[in-house]
Amino acid sequence: HKFYFTKRRFKDHFANLPVEIVRISTFLMEITLSGNAFLARMERAALAPLKALVPWGGSHLVVVLRKAQVTR
């Protein structure tokens, strides 16, 4: 994948688009300190040891979107 999305980062990324988040589910372990790419890499590195205990953690983000209603 090109992007590492946490729930917060996903919502931020799609905030200005004409879509509505119907449902968002995750098994992600997230700290989400910043939207900064370097800090995001540091976050993933800090959480990496936890993947041995919770192998599915950090790998599933399921989102249902729908087109937002356009009012004219």
Protein backbone atom coordinates (compact mmCIF):
# COMPACT_ATOMS: atom_id res chain seq x y z
CA HIS A 1 0.00 0.00 0.00
CA LYS A 2 1.13 3.51 -0.71
CA PHE A 3 -0.33 5.00 2.49
CA TYR A 4 -0.29 3.87 6.10
CA PHE A 5 -3.75 4.81 7.34
CA THR A 6 -4.91 4.93 10.91
CA LYS A 7 -8.52 5.89 11.53
CA ARG A 8 -7.56 9.49 12.19
CA ARG A 9 -5.31 9.73 9.14
CA PHE A 10 -7.99 8.16 6.95
CA LYS A 11 -10.61 10.66 8.15
CA ASP A 12 -8.19 13.56 7.64
CA HIS A 13 -7.27 12.35 4.14
CA PHE A 14 -10.91 12.16 2.99
CA ALA A 15 -12.24 15.14 4.96
CA ASN A 16 -12.55 17.51 2.00
CA LEU A 17 -13.91 14.99 -0.49
CA PRO A 18 -17.61 14.44 -1.25
CA VAL A 19 -17.81 11.14 0.63
CA GLU A 20 -19.43 10.07 3.88
CA ILE A 21 -17.84 7.48 6.15
CA VAL A 22 -20.63 5.00 6.88
CA ARG A 23 -18.55 2.66 9.02
CA ILE A 24 -14.92 2.34 9.96
CA SER A 25 -13.48 -0.69 11.75
CA THR A 26 -9.91 -1.44 12.65
CA PHE A 27 -7.62 -3.75 14.52
CA LEU A 28 -4.91 -1.11 14.27
CA MET A 29 -2.80 -0.27 17.25
CA GLU A 30 -2.17 3.41 16.83
CA ILE A 31 -0.58 6.30 18.62
CA THR A 32 -1.11 8.81 15.77
CA LEU A 33 1.18 11.49 17.12
CA SER A 34 1.37 13.42 13.91
CA GLY A 35 0.56 13.50 10.22
CA ASN A 36 4.29 14.05 9.60
CA ALA A 37 5.79 11.22 7.49
CA PHE A 38 8.92 10.92 9.64
CA LEU A 39 6.92 10.73 12.87
CA ALA A 40 4.58 8.19 11.28
CA ARG A 41 7.60 5.97 10.53
CA MET A 42 8.77 6.40 14.12
CA GLU A 43 5.31 5.44 15.34
CA ARG A 44 5.32 2.24 13.26
CA ALA A 45 8.83 1.41 14.52
CA ALA A 46 7.74 1.91 18.14
CA LEU A 47 4.73 -0.37 17.65
CA ALA A 48 6.63 -3.07 15.72
CA PRO A 49 7.52 -5.17 18.83
CA LEU A 50 3.82 -5.43 19.67
CA LYS A 51 3.18 -7.23 16.37
CA ALA A 52 4.85 -10.33 17.85
CA LEU A 53 2.14 -10.41 20.53
CA VAL A 54 -0.73 -9.30 18.29
CA PRO A 55 0.18 -10.34 14.71
CA TRP A 56 -3.02 -8.98 13.17
CA GLY A 57 -2.54 -5.58 14.80
CA GLY A 58 -1.77 -2.79 12.41
CA SER A 59 -2.97 -4.64 9.35
CA HIS A 60 -6.71 -4.21 9.01
CA LEU A 61 -8.62 -1.03 8.30
CA VAL A 62 -12.07 -1.61 6.82
CA VAL A 63 -14.04 1.42 5.69
CA VAL A 64 -17.44 1.72 4.06
CA LEU A 65 -17.88 4.99 2.15
CA ARG A 66 -20.74 6.45 0.17
CA LYS A 67 -20.97 9.47 -2.04
CA ALA A 68 -22.14 12.47 -0.08
CA GLN A 69 -25.52 13.90 -0.98
CA VAL A 70 -25.04 16.98 -3.14
CA THR A 71 -27.55 19.73 -2.46
CA ARG A 72 -28.29 22.16 -5.26
